[in-house]
Protein backbone atom coordinates (compact mmCIF):
# COMPACT_ATOMS: atom_id res chain seq x y z
CA MET A 1 56.17 -52.53 4.71
CA ASN A 2 56.78 -51.04 1.26
CA VAL A 3 55.00 -52.21 -1.87
CA GLU A 4 55.32 -50.76 -5.35
CA GLY A 5 54.73 -51.64 -8.95
CA GLU A 6 53.56 -50.63 -12.40
CA ARG A 7 50.37 -51.13 -14.37
CA THR A 8 49.61 -50.30 -18.00
CA PHE A 9 46.07 -49.40 -19.05
CA ALA A 10 44.78 -49.47 -22.64
CA ALA A 11 43.15 -46.06 -22.15
CA PRO A 12 44.17 -42.39 -22.37
CA ARG A 13 45.64 -40.70 -19.34
CA ALA A 14 42.56 -38.50 -18.80
CA THR A 15 40.35 -41.60 -18.43
CA VAL A 16 42.69 -43.28 -15.92
CA TRP A 17 43.02 -40.02 -13.95
CA LYS A 18 39.24 -39.62 -13.83
CA VAL A 19 38.76 -43.11 -12.33
CA LEU A 20 41.60 -42.70 -9.83
CA ASN A 21 40.06 -39.44 -8.61
CA ASP A 22 36.47 -40.70 -8.43
CA PRO A 23 35.82 -41.84 -4.83
CA ALA A 24 32.88 -44.04 -5.86
CA ALA A 25 34.94 -45.75 -8.57
CA MET A 26 37.84 -46.32 -6.19
CA ALA A 27 35.53 -47.66 -3.47
CA SER A 28 34.33 -50.33 -5.88
CA THR A 29 37.94 -51.48 -6.40
CA MET A 30 38.60 -52.00 -2.68
CA PRO A 31 37.87 -55.47 -1.30
CA GLY A 32 35.35 -55.75 1.52
CA VAL A 33 33.86 -52.22 1.37
CA GLU A 34 30.59 -52.28 3.33
CA SER A 35 29.78 -48.55 3.24
CA PHE A 36 31.31 -45.43 1.80
CA ASP A 37 31.01 -41.73 2.63
CA VAL A 38 32.39 -38.78 0.61
CA HIS A 39 33.06 -35.65 2.71
CA ASP A 40 34.49 -33.51 -0.10
CA ASP A 41 36.73 -33.93 -3.15
CA ARG A 42 39.77 -34.58 -0.95
CA ARG A 43 38.43 -36.64 1.96
CA TRP A 44 36.31 -39.76 2.21
CA THR A 45 35.66 -42.60 4.66
CA ALA A 46 34.98 -46.31 4.14
CA ASN A 47 33.94 -49.12 6.46
CA VAL A 48 35.71 -52.22 5.23
CA LYS A 49 36.03 -55.85 6.20
CA ILE A 50 39.57 -56.93 5.37
CA PRO A 51 39.83 -60.69 4.68
CA LEU A 52 42.42 -61.47 7.33
CA GLY A 53 42.21 -64.90 8.92
CA LEU A 54 38.93 -66.18 10.38
CA GLY A 55 36.04 -63.75 10.05
CA GLY A 56 38.14 -60.88 8.70
CA LEU A 57 39.06 -57.57 10.27
CA LYS A 58 36.51 -54.74 10.36
CA MET A 59 38.09 -51.34 10.05
CA LYS A 60 37.03 -47.73 9.55
CA VAL A 61 39.33 -46.19 6.96
CA ASP A 62 39.78 -42.43 6.48
CA MET A 63 41.36 -41.33 3.20
CA GLU A 64 42.70 -37.88 2.41
CA LYS A 65 44.31 -36.70 -0.82
CA THR A 66 47.44 -34.79 0.21
CA GLU A 67 48.89 -33.75 -3.14
CA GLU A 68 47.98 -33.75 -6.81
CA ARG A 69 49.18 -32.57 -10.20
CA GLU A 70 46.38 -33.15 -12.65
CA LEU A 71 46.92 -36.04 -15.10
CA GLU A 72 50.37 -36.70 -13.59
CA HIS A 73 50.61 -37.36 -9.87
CA ALA A 74 48.60 -37.76 -6.69
CA SER A 75 49.38 -38.90 -3.17
CA MET A 76 47.07 -39.94 -0.39
CA HIS A 77 47.21 -40.60 3.33
CA ILE A 78 45.06 -43.48 4.58
CA LYS A 79 44.39 -44.16 8.24
CA GLY A 80 42.44 -47.17 9.43
CA GLN A 81 41.29 -48.28 12.87
CA GLY A 82 39.62 -51.47 13.98
CA VAL A 83 39.56 -54.00 16.81
CA GLY A 84 43.07 -55.42 17.03
CA ALA A 85 44.72 -53.20 14.44
CA MET A 86 45.64 -49.68 13.43
CA MET A 87 46.85 -48.93 9.92
CA ASN A 88 48.74 -45.98 8.50
CA MET A 89 49.43 -45.89 4.78
CA GLN A 90 50.99 -43.33 2.50
CA THR A 91 50.40 -44.07 -1.16
CA GLN A 92 51.10 -42.30 -4.42
CA PHE A 93 50.88 -42.82 -8.16
CA ASP A 94 52.39 -41.22 -11.25
CA LEU A 95 50.86 -41.40 -14.73
CA SER A 96 52.63 -41.16 -18.09
CA ASP A 97 51.79 -41.93 -21.72
CA ALA A 98 52.83 -45.36 -22.94
CA GLY A 99 52.33 -46.43 -26.56
CA GLY A 100 48.77 -45.18 -26.93
CA GLY A 101 47.86 -46.19 -23.37
CA THR A 102 48.80 -45.06 -19.86
CA LEU A 103 51.53 -46.29 -17.52
CA MET A 104 50.85 -45.97 -13.80
CA LYS A 105 53.75 -46.26 -11.36
CA TRP A 106 52.52 -46.65 -7.80
CA ALA A 107 54.03 -47.08 -4.35
CA ALA A 108 52.67 -47.53 -0.84
CA ASP A 109 54.25 -47.50 2.60
CA VAL A 110 52.02 -49.54 4.93
CA LYS A 111 52.35 -49.59 8.71
CA ILE A 112 50.13 -51.85 10.83
CA ALA A 113 50.12 -51.69 14.63
CA GLY A 114 48.34 -53.72 17.31
CA PRO A 115 47.94 -57.51 17.62
CA VAL A 116 47.49 -57.88 13.85
CA GLY A 117 50.67 -55.90 13.24
CA SER A 118 52.57 -58.24 15.55
CA MET A 119 51.96 -61.07 13.08
CA GLY A 120 55.02 -59.73 11.26
CA GLN A 121 55.83 -58.82 7.69
CA ARG A 122 56.37 -62.46 6.65
CA VAL A 123 52.70 -63.19 7.34
CA LEU A 124 51.24 -59.84 6.27
CA GLN A 125 53.21 -59.32 3.03
CA PRO A 126 51.40 -62.06 1.02
CA ILE A 127 48.01 -60.77 2.26
CA VAL A 128 48.88 -57.19 1.28
CA ASN A 129 50.16 -58.35 -2.13
CA GLN A 130 46.94 -60.29 -2.74
CA GLN A 131 44.81 -57.24 -1.89
CA VAL A 132 46.93 -55.03 -4.14
CA GLN A 133 46.41 -57.40 -7.10
CA HIS A 134 42.67 -57.39 -6.40
CA VAL A 135 42.58 -53.58 -6.41
CA LEU A 136 44.65 -53.32 -9.61
CA GLY A 137 42.44 -55.85 -11.42
CA ALA A 138 39.28 -54.02 -10.33
CA LEU A 139 40.87 -50.69 -11.30
CA ASP A 140 41.59 -52.02 -14.78
CA LYS A 141 37.91 -52.99 -15.15
CA GLN A 142 36.76 -49.55 -13.92
CA VAL A 143 39.03 -47.84 -16.47
CA MET A 144 37.70 -49.98 -19.34
CA ASP A 145 34.09 -49.45 -18.21
CA SER A 146 34.70 -45.70 -18.06
CA LEU A 147 36.28 -45.78 -21.53
CA GLY A 148 33.22 -47.58 -22.94
CA ALA A 149 30.84 -45.11 -21.28
CA GLN A 150 32.35 -42.07 -22.99
CA PRO A 151 30.19 -40.36 -25.65
CA ALA A 152 30.90 -41.31 -29.24
CA SER A 153 32.28 -37.84 -30.01
CA ALA A 154 35.00 -38.33 -27.39
CA ASN A 155 35.98 -41.70 -28.79
CA PRO A 156 35.14 -41.72 -32.52
CA PRO A 157 35.23 -45.05 -34.32
CA SER A 158 37.95 -45.39 -36.92
CA GLU A 159 36.85 -44.79 -40.48
CA GLY A 160 37.38 -47.56 -42.98
CA PRO A 161 35.70 -50.25 -45.04
CA LYS A 162 33.17 -52.36 -43.20
CA ASP A 163 33.27 -56.14 -43.40
CA TYR A 164 29.78 -57.49 -43.93
CA GLY A 165 30.87 -61.12 -43.91
CA PRO A 166 31.42 -63.64 -46.72
CA PRO A 167 29.66 -63.12 -50.07
CA ALA A 168 26.47 -64.97 -50.93
CA ASP A 169 26.72 -68.21 -52.92
CA ALA A 170 26.15 -66.94 -56.45
CA ASP A 171 28.19 -66.52 -59.59
CA ALA A 172 28.43 -62.86 -60.49
CA ASP A 173 28.56 -63.31 -64.28
CA PRO A 174 28.28 -66.95 -65.28
CA GLU A 175 30.15 -67.78 -68.45
CA PRO A 176 27.83 -68.45 -71.41
CA GLU A 177 27.90 -72.01 -72.70
CA THR A 178 29.71 -72.57 -75.98
CA GLY A 179 27.67 -73.36 -79.06
CA THR A 180 24.49 -71.89 -80.44
CA SER A 181 20.87 -72.17 -79.42
CA GLY A 182 18.28 -73.98 -81.51
CA ALA A 183 16.56 -70.69 -82.25
CA ASP A 184 19.71 -69.41 -83.91
CA GLU A 185 19.57 -72.32 -86.30
CA GLY A 186 15.83 -72.05 -87.01
CA ILE A 187 14.98 -75.17 -84.95
CA SER A 188 11.64 -75.27 -83.17
CA PRO A 189 12.01 -75.72 -79.42
CA ILE A 190 9.15 -78.27 -79.54
CA SER A 191 10.32 -80.44 -82.43
CA ASP A 192 13.48 -81.03 -84.36
CA GLU A 193 11.85 -79.74 -87.53
CA PRO A 194 13.00 -76.41 -88.93
CA TYR A 195 10.63 -73.46 -88.73
CA GLU A 196 8.37 -73.15 -91.74
CA THR A 197 9.18 -70.09 -93.68
CA LYS A 198 6.33 -68.33 -95.48
């Protein structure tokens, strides 16, 4: 069973690469991970419960990175074993710049043996597709979280005028009223009589 696709991330390639090569970050994208063990920077193991029919399928999954070109390409071999199923998967991804973000092209060749595998591709394909969409959505969140966690110096805010909201309700320079004041004409403000001149 072959699945492939593309995904664009609104983040630089270095950020996407970092998440894809962080076992802990990738474990959090996989559905049903119950425990996770990192052996070294190329091999790790997960115990997962794959939502497959009633109760799900528990499987121990060994992952090994088989090839990588930093910021560009990586491939991985994944082998899983559980009651009623054995899984072999070869997966790879390629990264490239795309309009200020990153384009990831990915592909996976999935082989499932045992009673579960005998269900056939017609039954398994929708389940695999659903899991892939779950992983890609979680991966997108991990990338954005990683982007937000970078220090300010690595992601400086754009310079420019700040908007402090609408102005207060006040006339800046009210127009003076036309005419003259009583004082200008020698009129007392208390009475209409002119000031007495001495």
